[in-house]
């Protein structure tokens, strides 16, 4: 699983429908890989922010290149890259250590 796929499946709750697209059960739509680019598109990255806020995470940004979700901080060349990096770090750190706590928040 790459970074975008991990975020789409674990944070946004999208299910892998085919090798190149996900299905969003909440909205009942298919999302192709080329239509979800959170590292390049700030609007897509903000979907991640809104989803994590709904799960109780606090989002803060220190300028255009650094983002924090609760205890996870990440940087990037742009704000959208920083958001994506922080979200991916959150998924990777909590999927190995204390998985049940993250999934209680996410599900």
PDB file of N, CA and C in Angstrom:
ATOM      1  N   UNK A   1       0.842  -1.177   0.000  1.00  0.00           N
ATOM      2  CA  UNK A   1       0.000   0.000   0.000  1.00  0.00           C
ATOM      3  C   UNK A   1       0.888   1.241   0.000  1.00  0.00           C
ATOM      4  N   UNK A   2       0.626   2.166  -0.908  1.00  0.00           N
ATOM      5  CA  UNK A   2       1.389   3.403  -0.909  1.00  0.00           C
ATOM      6  C   UNK A   2       0.745   4.417   0.035  1.00  0.00           C
ATOM      7  N   UNK A   3       1.350   5.585   0.141  1.00  0.00           N
ATOM      8  CA  UNK A   3       0.898   6.602   1.084  1.00  0.00           C
ATOM      9  C   UNK A   3      -0.550   7.016   0.828  1.00  0.00           C
ATOM     10  N   UNK A   4      -0.876   7.339  -0.405  1.00  0.00           N
ATOM     11  CA  UNK A   4      -2.232   7.782  -0.739  1.00  0.00           C
ATOM     12  C   UNK A   4      -3.251   6.679  -0.502  1.00  0.00           C
ATOM     13  N   UNK A   5      -2.908   5.465  -0.874  1.00  0.00           N
ATOM     14  CA  UNK A   5      -3.816   4.340  -0.675  1.00  0.00           C
ATOM     15  C   UNK A   5      -4.059   4.081   0.811  1.00  0.00           C
ATOM     16  N   UNK A   6      -3.013   4.163   1.610  1.00  0.00           N
ATOM     17  CA  UNK A   6      -3.164   3.966   3.060  1.00  0.00           C
ATOM     18  C   UNK A   6      -4.104   5.005   3.656  1.00  0.00           C
ATOM     19  N   UNK A   7      -3.947   6.247   3.259  1.00  0.00           N
ATOM     20  CA  UNK A   7      -4.797   7.324   3.772  1.00  0.00           C
ATOM     21  C   UNK A   7      -6.236   7.144   3.305  1.00  0.00           C
ATOM     22  N   UNK A   8      -6.410   6.836   2.024  1.00  0.00           N
ATOM     23  CA  UNK A   8      -7.764   6.663   1.481  1.00  0.00           C
ATOM     24  C   UNK A   8      -8.501   5.533   2.184  1.00  0.00           C
ATOM     25  N   UNK A   9      -7.819   4.440   2.424  1.00  0.00           N
ATOM     26  CA  UNK A   9      -8.474   3.275   3.011  1.00  0.00           C
ATOM     27  C   UNK A   9      -8.606   3.357   4.527  1.00  0.00           C
ATOM     28  N   UNK A  10      -7.572   3.822   5.207  1.00  0.00           N
ATOM     29  CA  UNK A  10      -7.585   3.791   6.668  1.00  0.00           C
ATOM     30  C   UNK A  10      -8.183   5.034   7.312  1.00  0.00           C
ATOM     31  N   UNK A  11      -8.035   6.179   6.692  1.00  0.00           N
ATOM     32  CA  UNK A  11      -8.586   7.399   7.281  1.00  0.00           C
ATOM     33  C   UNK A  11      -9.934   7.747   6.666  1.00  0.00           C
ATOM     34  N   UNK A  12      -9.991   7.765   5.336  1.00  0.00           N
ATOM     35  CA  UNK A  12     -11.240   8.152   4.677  1.00  0.00           C
ATOM     36  C   UNK A  12     -12.251   7.014   4.611  1.00  0.00           C
ATOM     37  N   UNK A  13     -11.793   5.784   4.834  1.00  0.00           N
ATOM     38  CA  UNK A  13     -12.701   4.649   4.863  1.00  0.00           C
ATOM     39  C   UNK A  13     -13.123   4.145   3.498  1.00  0.00           C
ATOM     40  N   UNK A  14     -12.397   4.534   2.459  1.00  0.00           N
ATOM     41  CA  UNK A  14     -12.729   4.078   1.124  1.00  0.00           C
ATOM     42  C   UNK A  14     -12.253   2.643   0.948  1.00  0.00           C
ATOM     43  N   UNK A  15     -13.006   1.865   0.227  1.00  0.00           N
ATOM     44  CA  UNK A  15     -12.662   0.468  -0.033  1.00  0.00           C
ATOM     45  C   UNK A  15     -12.042   0.350  -1.414  1.00  0.00           C
ATOM     46  N   UNK A  16     -11.026  -0.487  -1.516  1.00  0.00           N
ATOM     47  CA  UNK A  16     -10.392  -0.715  -2.805  1.00  0.00           C
ATOM     48  C   UNK A  16     -11.365  -1.503  -3.672  1.00  0.00           C
ATOM     49  N   UNK A  17     -11.759  -0.914  -4.794  1.00  0.00           N
ATOM     50  CA  UNK A  17     -12.713  -1.556  -5.681  1.00  0.00           C
ATOM     51  C   UNK A  17     -12.001  -2.278  -6.812  1.00  0.00           C
ATOM     52  N   UNK A  18     -10.964  -1.667  -7.290  1.00  0.00           N
ATOM     53  CA  UNK A  18     -10.143  -2.198  -8.361  1.00  0.00           C
ATOM     54  C   UNK A  18      -8.741  -1.678  -8.123  1.00  0.00           C
ATOM     55  N   UNK A  19      -7.769  -2.140  -8.834  1.00  0.00           N
ATOM     56  CA  UNK A  19      -6.391  -1.712  -8.604  1.00  0.00           C
ATOM     57  C   UNK A  19      -6.204  -0.211  -8.772  1.00  0.00           C
ATOM     58  N   UNK A  20      -7.110   0.467  -9.488  1.00  0.00           N
ATOM     59  CA  UNK A  20      -6.923   1.891  -9.759  1.00  0.00           C
ATOM     60  C   UNK A  20      -8.040   2.783  -9.220  1.00  0.00           C
ATOM     61  N   UNK A  21      -8.898   2.246  -8.359  1.00  0.00           N
ATOM     62  CA  UNK A  21      -9.964   3.098  -7.817  1.00  0.00           C
ATOM     63  C   UNK A  21     -10.498   2.562  -6.497  1.00  0.00           C
ATOM     64  N   UNK A  22     -11.089   3.490  -5.745  1.00  0.00           N
ATOM     65  CA  UNK A  22     -11.718   3.166  -4.465  1.00  0.00           C
ATOM     66  C   UNK A  22     -13.209   3.429  -4.576  1.00  0.00           C
ATOM     67  N   UNK A  23     -13.954   2.908  -3.611  1.00  0.00           N
ATOM     68  CA  UNK A  23     -15.387   3.180  -3.536  1.00  0.00           C
ATOM     69  C   UNK A  23     -15.676   3.823  -2.194  1.00  0.00           C
ATOM     70  N   UNK A  24     -16.324   4.977  -2.221  1.00  0.00           N
ATOM     71  CA  UNK A  24     -16.721   5.687  -1.011  1.00  0.00           C
ATOM     72  C   UNK A  24     -18.158   5.292  -0.699  1.00  0.00           C
ATOM     73  N   UNK A  25     -18.340   4.425   0.304  1.00  0.00           N
ATOM     74  CA  UNK A  25     -19.666   3.933   0.648  1.00  0.00           C
ATOM     75  C   UNK A  25     -20.570   5.031   1.198  1.00  0.00           C
ATOM     76  N   UNK A  26     -20.017   6.018   1.876  1.00  0.00           N
ATOM     77  CA  UNK A  26     -20.819   7.104   2.429  1.00  0.00           C
ATOM     78  C   UNK A  26     -21.496   7.921   1.342  1.00  0.00           C
ATOM     79  N   UNK A  27     -20.761   8.180   0.256  1.00  0.00           N
ATOM     80  CA  UNK A  27     -21.302   8.985  -0.842  1.00  0.00           C
ATOM     81  C   UNK A  27     -21.798   8.135  -2.002  1.00  0.00           C
ATOM     82  N   UNK A  28     -21.428   6.864  -2.010  1.00  0.00           N
ATOM     83  CA  UNK A  28     -21.847   5.977  -3.082  1.00  0.00           C
ATOM     84  C   UNK A  28     -21.191   6.272  -4.417  1.00  0.00           C
ATOM     85  N   UNK A  29     -19.915   6.686  -4.383  1.00  0.00           N
ATOM     86  CA  UNK A  29     -19.218   7.031  -5.624  1.00  0.00           C
ATOM     87  C   UNK A  29     -17.872   6.314  -5.711  1.00  0.00           C
ATOM     88  N   UNK A  30     -17.398   6.184  -6.942  1.00  0.00           N
ATOM     89  CA  UNK A  30     -16.070   5.647  -7.201  1.00  0.00           C
ATOM     90  C   UNK A  30     -15.086   6.805  -7.306  1.00  0.00           C
ATOM     91  N   UNK A  31     -13.898   6.625  -6.771  1.00  0.00           N
ATOM     92  CA  UNK A  31     -12.851   7.628  -6.856  1.00  0.00           C
ATOM     93  C   UNK A  31     -11.648   6.971  -7.511  1.00  0.00           C
ATOM     94  N   UNK A  32     -11.272   7.472  -8.668  1.00  0.00           N
ATOM     95  CA  UNK A  32     -10.105   6.938  -9.363  1.00  0.00           C
ATOM     96  C   UNK A  32      -8.838   7.503  -8.743  1.00  0.00           C
ATOM     97  N   UNK A  33      -7.770   6.735  -8.833  1.00  0.00           N
ATOM     98  CA  UNK A  33      -6.480   7.162  -8.299  1.00  0.00           C
ATOM     99  C   UNK A  33      -6.087   8.546  -8.792  1.00  0.00           C
ATOM    100  N   UNK A  34      -6.335   8.819 -10.047  1.00  0.00           N
ATOM    101  CA  UNK A  34      -5.951  10.106 -10.642  1.00  0.00           C
ATOM    102  C   UNK A  34      -6.823  11.265 -10.151  1.00  0.00           C
ATOM    103  N   UNK A  35      -7.932  10.955  -9.479  1.00  0.00           N
ATOM    104  CA  UNK A  35      -8.835  11.999  -8.997  1.00  0.00           C
ATOM    105  C   UNK A  35      -8.607  12.342  -7.524  1.00  0.00           C
ATOM    106  N   UNK A  36      -7.713  11.634  -6.846  1.00  0.00           N
ATOM    107  CA  UNK A  36      -7.415  11.907  -5.448  1.00  0.00           C
ATOM    108  C   UNK A  36      -5.907  12.038  -5.291  1.00  0.00           C
ATOM    109  N   UNK A  37      -5.441  13.276  -5.245  1.00  0.00           N
ATOM    110  CA  UNK A  37      -4.016  13.572  -5.166  1.00  0.00           C
ATOM    111  C   UNK A  37      -3.762  14.530  -3.999  1.00  0.00           C
ATOM    112  N   UNK A  38      -3.812  14.042  -2.772  1.00  0.00           N
ATOM    113  CA  UNK A  38      -3.704  14.941  -1.622  1.00  0.00           C
ATOM    114  C   UNK A  38      -2.356  15.634  -1.480  1.00  0.00           C
ATOM    115  N   UNK A  39      -1.299  15.066  -2.030  1.00  0.00           N
ATOM    116  CA  UNK A  39      -0.001  15.728  -1.946  1.00  0.00           C
ATOM    117  C   UNK A  39       0.104  16.915  -2.896  1.00  0.00           C
ATOM    118  N   UNK A  40      -0.719  16.920  -3.928  1.00  0.00           N
ATOM    119  CA  UNK A  40      -0.663  17.975  -4.934  1.00  0.00           C
ATOM    120  C   UNK A  40      -1.833  18.949  -4.842  1.00  0.00           C
ATOM    121  N   UNK A  41      -2.946  18.514  -4.283  1.00  0.00           N
ATOM    122  CA  UNK A  41      -4.160  19.312  -4.280  1.00  0.00           C
ATOM    123  C   UNK A  41      -4.582  19.617  -2.840  1.00  0.00           C
ATOM    124  N   UNK A  42      -4.601  20.889  -2.485  1.00  0.00           N
ATOM    125  CA  UNK A  42      -4.934  21.276  -1.120  1.00  0.00           C
ATOM    126  C   UNK A  42      -6.368  20.901  -0.753  1.00  0.00           C
ATOM    127  N   UNK A  43      -7.286  20.974  -1.688  1.00  0.00           N
ATOM    128  CA  UNK A  43      -8.681  20.590  -1.404  1.00  0.00           C
ATOM    129  C   UNK A  43      -8.770  19.115  -1.018  1.00  0.00           C
ATOM    130  N   UNK A  44      -7.999  18.273  -1.677  1.00  0.00           N
ATOM    131  CA  UNK A  44      -7.979  16.842  -1.342  1.00  0.00           C
ATOM    132  C   UNK A  44      -7.349  16.637   0.035  1.00  0.00           C
ATOM    133  N   UNK A  45      -6.291  17.369   0.320  1.00  0.00           N
ATOM    134  CA  UNK A  45      -5.642  17.260   1.628  1.00  0.00           C
ATOM    135  C   UNK A  45      -6.588  17.714   2.735  1.00  0.00           C
ATOM    136  N   UNK A  46      -7.408  18.707   2.459  1.00  0.00           N
ATOM    137  CA  UNK A  46      -8.342  19.197   3.472  1.00  0.00           C
ATOM    138  C   UNK A  46      -9.442  18.174   3.763  1.00  0.00           C
ATOM    139  N   UNK A  47      -9.733  17.267   2.827  1.00  0.00           N
ATOM    140  CA  UNK A  47     -10.650  16.160   3.120  1.00  0.00           C
ATOM    141  C   UNK A  47     -10.094  15.303   4.254  1.00  0.00           C
ATOM    142  N   UNK A  48      -8.797  15.101   4.232  1.00  0.00           N
ATOM    143  CA  UNK A  48      -8.134  14.333   5.286  1.00  0.00           C
ATOM    144  C   UNK A  48      -8.249  15.078   6.611  1.00  0.00           C
ATOM    145  N   UNK A  49      -7.981  16.380   6.571  1.00  0.00           N
ATOM    146  CA  UNK A  49      -8.059  17.199   7.787  1.00  0.00           C
ATOM    147  C   UNK A  49      -9.460  17.134   8.386  1.00  0.00           C
ATOM    148  N   UNK A  50     -10.475  17.310   7.562  1.00  0.00           N
ATOM    149  CA  UNK A  50     -11.857  17.295   8.055  1.00  0.00           C
ATOM    150  C   UNK A  50     -12.225  15.936   8.639  1.00  0.00           C
ATOM    151  N   UNK A  51     -11.767  14.879   8.003  1.00  0.00           N
ATOM    152  CA  UNK A  51     -12.068  13.540   8.502  1.00  0.00           C
ATOM    153  C   UNK A  51     -11.403  13.298   9.859  1.00  0.00           C
ATOM    154  N   UNK A  52     -10.152  13.700   9.977  1.00  0.00           N
ATOM    155  CA  UNK A  52      -9.452  13.520  11.246  1.00  0.00           C
ATOM    156  C   UNK A  52     -10.039  14.405  12.342  1.00  0.00           C
ATOM    157  N   UNK A  53     -10.489  15.609  11.986  1.00  0.00           N
ATOM    158  CA  UNK A  53     -11.164  16.466  12.964  1.00  0.00           C
ATOM    159  C   UNK A  53     -12.440  15.802  13.460  1.00  0.00           C
ATOM    160  N   UNK A  54     -13.162  15.158  12.566  1.00  0.00           N
ATOM    161  CA  UNK A  54     -14.398  14.458  12.945  1.00  0.00           C
ATOM    162  C   UNK A  54     -14.105  13.312  13.913  1.00  0.00           C
ATOM    163  N   UNK A  55     -12.911  12.755  13.825  1.00  0.00           N
ATOM    164  CA  UNK A  55     -12.518  11.677  14.728  1.00  0.00           C
ATOM    165  C   UNK A  55     -11.904  12.193  16.019  1.00  0.00           C
ATOM    166  N   UNK A  56     -11.848  13.515  16.179  1.00  0.00           N
ATOM    167  CA  UNK A  56     -11.363  14.095  17.427  1.00  0.00           C
ATOM    168  C   UNK A  56      -9.921  14.547  17.425  1.00  0.00           C
ATOM    169  N   UNK A  57      -9.270  14.513  16.293  1.00  0.00           N
ATOM    170  CA  UNK A  57      -7.895  14.981  16.224  1.00  0.00           C
ATOM    171  C   UNK A  57      -7.880  16.499  16.111  1.00  0.00           C
ATOM    172  N   UNK A  58      -6.872  17.108  16.706  1.00  0.00           N
ATOM    173  CA  UNK A  58      -6.692  18.552  16.626  1.00  0.00           C
ATOM    174  C   UNK A  58      -5.690  18.848  15.529  1.00  0.00           C
ATOM    175  N   UNK A  59      -6.045  19.753  14.646  1.00  0.00           N
ATOM    176  CA  UNK A  59      -5.191  20.120  13.515  1.00  0.00           C
ATOM    177  C   UNK A  59      -4.619  21.509  13.758  1.00  0.00           C
ATOM    178  N   UNK A  60      -3.320  21.629  13.645  1.00  0.00           N
ATOM    179  CA  UNK A  60      -2.674  22.937  13.689  1.00  0.00           C
ATOM    180  C   UNK A  60      -1.637  22.996  12.586  1.00  0.00           C
ATOM    181  N   UNK A  61      -1.413  24.206  12.093  1.00  0.00           N
ATOM    182  CA  UNK A  61      -0.429  24.414  11.043  1.00  0.00           C
ATOM    183  C   UNK A  61       0.454  25.583  11.434  1.00  0.00           C
ATOM    184  N   UNK A  62       1.755  25.386  11.327  1.00  0.00           N
ATOM    185  CA  UNK A  62       2.708  26.451  11.610  1.00  0.00           C
ATOM    186  C   UNK A  62       3.266  26.975  10.294  1.00  0.00           C
ATOM    187  N   UNK A  63       2.458  27.728   9.590  1.00  0.00           N
ATOM    188  CA  UNK A  63       2.890  28.253   8.305  1.00  0.00           C
ATOM    189  C   UNK A  63       2.442  27.375   7.161  1.00  0.00           C
ATOM    190  N   UNK A  64       3.248  27.347   6.139  1.00  0.00           N
ATOM    191  CA  UNK A  64       2.888  26.633   4.913  1.00  0.00           C
ATOM    192  C   UNK A  64       3.547  25.268   4.773  1.00  0.00           C
ATOM    193  N   UNK A  65       4.413  24.893   5.708  1.00  0.00           N
ATOM    194  CA  UNK A  65       5.160  23.656   5.498  1.00  0.00           C
ATOM    195  C   UNK A  65       5.166  22.694   6.685  1.00  0.00           C
ATOM    196  N   UNK A  66       4.451  23.020   7.763  1.00  0.00           N
ATOM    197  CA  UNK A  66       4.444  22.147   8.934  1.00  0.00           C
ATOM    198  C   UNK A  66       3.029  21.988   9.476  1.00  0.00           C
ATOM    199  N   UNK A  67       2.671  20.742   9.814  1.00  0.00           N
ATOM    200  CA  UNK A  67       1.326  20.404  10.276  1.00  0.00           C
ATOM    201  C   UNK A  67       1.424  19.482  11.475  1.00  0.00           C
ATOM    202  N   UNK A  68       0.454  19.617  12.391  1.00  0.00           N
ATOM    203  CA  UNK A  68       0.390  18.725  13.540  1.00  0.00           C
ATOM    204  C   UNK A  68      -1.038  18.213  13.701  1.00  0.00           C
ATOM    205  N   UNK A  69      -1.168  16.892  13.868  1.00  0.00           N
ATOM    206  CA  UNK A  69      -2.417  16.249  14.274  1.00  0.00           C
ATOM    207  C   UNK A  69      -2.141  15.656  15.643  1.00  0.00           C
ATOM    208  N   UNK A  70      -2.695  16.280  16.689  1.00  0.00           N
ATOM    209  CA  UNK A  70      -2.441  15.868  18.074  1.00  0.00           C
ATOM    210  C   UNK A  70      -0.942  15.761  18.331  1.00  0.00           C
ATOM    211  N   UNK A  71      -0.415  14.569  18.385  1.00  0.00           N
ATOM    212  CA  UNK A  71       0.983  14.342  18.729  1.00  0.00           C
ATOM    213  C   UNK A  71       1.872  14.063  17.520  1.00  0.00           C
ATOM    214  N   UNK A  72       1.322  14.078  16.328  1.00  0.00           N
ATOM    215  CA  UNK A  72       2.089  13.768  15.121  1.00  0.00           C
ATOM    216  C   UNK A  72       2.369  15.055  14.351  1.00  0.00           C
ATOM    217  N   UNK A  73       3.640  15.322  14.106  1.00  0.00           N
ATOM    218  CA  UNK A  73       4.055  16.511  13.372  1.00  0.00           C
ATOM    219  C   UNK A  73       4.802  16.079  12.122  1.00  0.00           C
ATOM    220  N   UNK A  74       4.547  16.782  11.018  1.00  0.00           N
ATOM    221  CA  UNK A  74       5.243  16.474   9.766  1.00  0.00           C
ATOM    222  C   UNK A  74       5.426  17.748   8.965  1.00  0.00           C
ATOM    223  N   UNK A  75       6.369  17.697   8.061  1.00  0.00           N
ATOM    224  CA  UNK A  75       6.645  18.830   7.189  1.00  0.00           C
ATOM    225  C   UNK A  75       6.557  18.391   5.734  1.00  0.00           C
ATOM    226  N   UNK A  76       6.523  19.367   4.854  1.00  0.00           N
ATOM    227  CA  UNK A  76       6.504  19.110   3.425  1.00  0.00           C
ATOM    228  C   UNK A  76       6.864  20.378   2.689  1.00  0.00           C
ATOM    229  N   UNK A  77       7.061  20.275   1.403  1.00  0.00           N
ATOM    230  CA  UNK A  77       7.383  21.459   0.601  1.00  0.00           C
ATOM    231  C   UNK A  77       6.183  22.390   0.501  1.00  0.00           C
ATOM    232  N   UNK A  78       4.968  21.818   0.577  1.00  0.00           N
ATOM    233  CA  UNK A  78       3.737  22.599   0.539  1.00  0.00           C
ATOM    234  C   UNK A  78       2.851  22.160   1.699  1.00  0.00           C
ATOM    235  N   UNK A  79       1.803  22.926   1.954  1.00  0.00           N
ATOM    236  CA  UNK A  79       0.878  22.570   3.024  1.00  0.00           C
ATOM    237  C   UNK A  79       0.204  21.232   2.741  1.00  0.00           C
ATOM    238  N   UNK A  80      -0.178  20.991   1.493  1.00  0.00           N
ATOM    239  CA  UNK A  80      -0.836  19.723   1.163  1.00  0.00           C
ATOM    240  C   UNK A  80       0.105  18.538   1.371  1.00  0.00           C
ATOM    241  N   UNK A  81       1.378  18.691   1.072  1.00  0.00           N
ATOM    242  CA  UNK A  81       2.338  17.612   1.329  1.00  0.00           C
ATOM    243  C   UNK A  81       2.517  17.396   2.826  1.00  0.00           C
ATOM    244  N   UNK A  82       2.551  18.465   3.594  1.00  0.00           N
ATOM    245  CA  UNK A  82       2.707  18.337   5.045  1.00  0.00           C
ATOM    246  C   UNK A  82       1.512  17.619   5.655  1.00  0.00           C
ATOM    247  N   UNK A  83       0.298  17.943   5.200  1.00  0.00           N
ATOM    248  CA  UNK A  83      -0.911  17.274   5.693  1.00  0.00           C
ATOM    249  C   UNK A  83      -0.863  15.790   5.360  1.00  0.00           C
ATOM    250  N   UNK A  84      -0.508  15.475   4.132  1.00  0.00           N
ATOM    251  CA  UNK A  84      -0.432  14.081   3.700  1.00  0.00           C
ATOM    252  C   UNK A  84       0.633  13.322   4.485  1.00  0.00           C
ATOM    253  N   UNK A  85       1.778  13.936   4.680  1.00  0.00           N
ATOM    254  CA  UNK A  85       2.846  13.279   5.437  1.00  0.00           C
ATOM    255  C   UNK A  85       2.435  13.035   6.885  1.00  0.00           C
ATOM    256  N   UNK A  86       1.780  14.003   7.505  1.00  0.00           N
ATOM    257  CA  UNK A  86       1.335  13.835   8.896  1.00  0.00           C
ATOM    258  C   UNK A  86       0.279  12.741   8.998  1.00  0.00           C
ATOM    259  N   UNK A  87      -0.660  12.736   8.073  1.00  0.00           N
ATOM    260  CA  UNK A  87      -1.712  11.714   8.086  1.00  0.00           C
ATOM    261  C   UNK A  87      -1.106  10.323   7.885  1.00  0.00           C
ATOM    262  N   UNK A  88      -0.160  10.214   6.980  1.00  0.00           N
ATOM    263  CA  UNK A  88       0.482   8.923   6.738  1.00  0.00           C
ATOM    264  C   UNK A  88       1.282   8.478   7.957  1.00  0.00           C
ATOM    265  N   UNK A  89       1.978   9.405   8.584  1.00  0.00           N
ATOM    266  CA  UNK A  89       2.718   9.081   9.801  1.00  0.00           C
ATOM    267  C   UNK A  89       1.774   8.607  10.888  1.00  0.00           C
ATOM    268  N   UNK A  90       0.641   9.269  11.008  1.00  0.00           N
ATOM    269  CA  UNK A  90      -0.369   8.867  11.991  1.00  0.00           C
ATOM    270  C   UNK A  90      -0.840   7.448  11.732  1.00  0.00           C
ATOM    271  N   UNK A  91      -1.143   7.131  10.492  1.00  0.00           N
ATOM    272  CA  UNK A  91      -1.596   5.787  10.126  1.00  0.00           C
ATOM    273  C   UNK A  91      -0.505   4.761  10.399  1.00  0.00           C
ATOM    274  N   UNK A  92       0.706   5.048   9.975  1.00  0.00           N
ATOM    275  CA  UNK A  92       1.798   4.085  10.129  1.00  0.00           C
ATOM    276  C   UNK A  92       2.200   3.892  11.585  1.00  0.00           C
ATOM    277  N   UNK A  93       2.275   4.957  12.347  1.00  0.00           N
ATOM    278  CA  UNK A  93       2.671   4.841  13.754  1.00  0.00           C
ATOM    279  C   UNK A  93       1.628   4.109  14.571  1.00  0.00           C
ATOM    280  N   UNK A  94       0.385   4.396  14.342  1.00  0.00           N
ATOM    281  CA  UNK A  94      -0.653   3.814  15.176  1.00  0.00           C
ATOM    282  C   UNK A  94      -1.136   2.474  14.666  1.00  0.00           C
ATOM    283  N   UNK A  95      -0.804   2.099  13.441  1.00  0.00           N
ATOM    284  CA  UNK A  95      -1.228   0.782  12.970  1.00  0.00           C
ATOM    285  C   UNK A  95      -0.348  -0.313  13.568  1.00  0.00           C
ATOM    286  N   UNK A  96       0.861   0.030  13.935  1.00  0.00           N
ATOM    287  CA  UNK A  96       1.755  -0.958  14.534  1.00  0.00           C
ATOM    288  C   UNK A  96       1.617  -0.929  16.058  1.00  0.00           C
ATOM    289  N   UNK A  97       1.620   0.248  16.621  1.00  0.00           N
ATOM    290  CA  UNK A  97       1.546   0.407  18.064  1.00  0.00           C
ATOM    291  C   UNK A  97       0.162   0.930  18.431  1.00  0.00           C
ATOM    292  N   UNK A  98      -0.529   0.232  19.269  1.00  0.00           N
ATOM    293  CA  UNK A  98      -1.823   0.658  19.796  1.00  0.00           C
ATOM    294  C   UNK A  98      -2.885   0.824  18.697  1.00  0.00           C
ATOM    295  N   UNK A  99      -3.025  -0.176  17.884  1.00  0.00           N
ATOM    296  CA  UNK A  99      -3.982  -0.147  16.786  1.00  0.00           C
ATOM    297  C   UNK A  99      -5.412   0.060  17.270  1.00  0.00           C
ATOM    298  N   UNK A 100      -5.779  -0.548  18.359  1.00  0.00           N
ATOM    299  CA  UNK A 100      -7.163  -0.476  18.819  1.00  0.00           C
ATOM    300  C   UNK A 100      -7.588   0.958  19.130  1.00  0.00           C
ATOM    301  N   UNK A 101      -6.691   1.776  19.669  1.00  0.00           N
ATOM    302  CA  UNK A 101      -7.043   3.147  19.986  1.00  0.00           C
ATOM    303  C   UNK A 101      -7.317   3.965  18.729  1.00  0.00           C
ATOM    304  N   UNK A 102      -6.500   3.800  17.702  1.00  0.00           N
ATOM    305  CA  UNK A 102      -6.725   4.523  16.457  1.00  0.00           C
ATOM    306  C   UNK A 102      -8.030   4.091  15.819  1.00  0.00           C
ATOM    307  N   UNK A 103      -8.272   2.791  15.751  1.00  0.00           N
ATOM    308  CA  UNK A 103      -9.478   2.310  15.089  1.00  0.00           C
ATOM    309  C   UNK A 103     -10.730   2.694  15.862  1.00  0.00           C
ATOM    310  N   UNK A 104     -10.637   2.844  17.184  1.00  0.00           N
ATOM    311  CA  UNK A 104     -11.782   3.344  17.947  1.00  0.00           C
ATOM    312  C   UNK A 104     -12.096   4.765  17.508  1.00  0.00           C
ATOM    313  N   UNK A 105     -11.071   5.553  17.231  1.00  0.00           N
ATOM    314  CA  UNK A 105     -11.286   6.923  16.762  1.00  0.00           C
ATOM    315  C   UNK A 105     -11.769   6.959  15.332  1.00  0.00           C
ATOM    316  N   UNK A 106     -11.176   6.124  14.474  1.00  0.00           N
ATOM    317  CA  UNK A 106     -11.487   6.168  13.062  1.00  0.00           C
ATOM    318  C   UNK A 106     -12.812   5.498  12.708  1.00  0.00           C
ATOM    319  N   UNK A 107     -13.239   4.511  13.482  1.00  0.00           N
ATOM    320  CA  UNK A 107     -14.451   3.778  13.102  1.00  0.00           C
ATOM    321  C   UNK A 107     -15.603   4.141  13.934  1.00  0.00           C
TER     322      UNK A 107
END
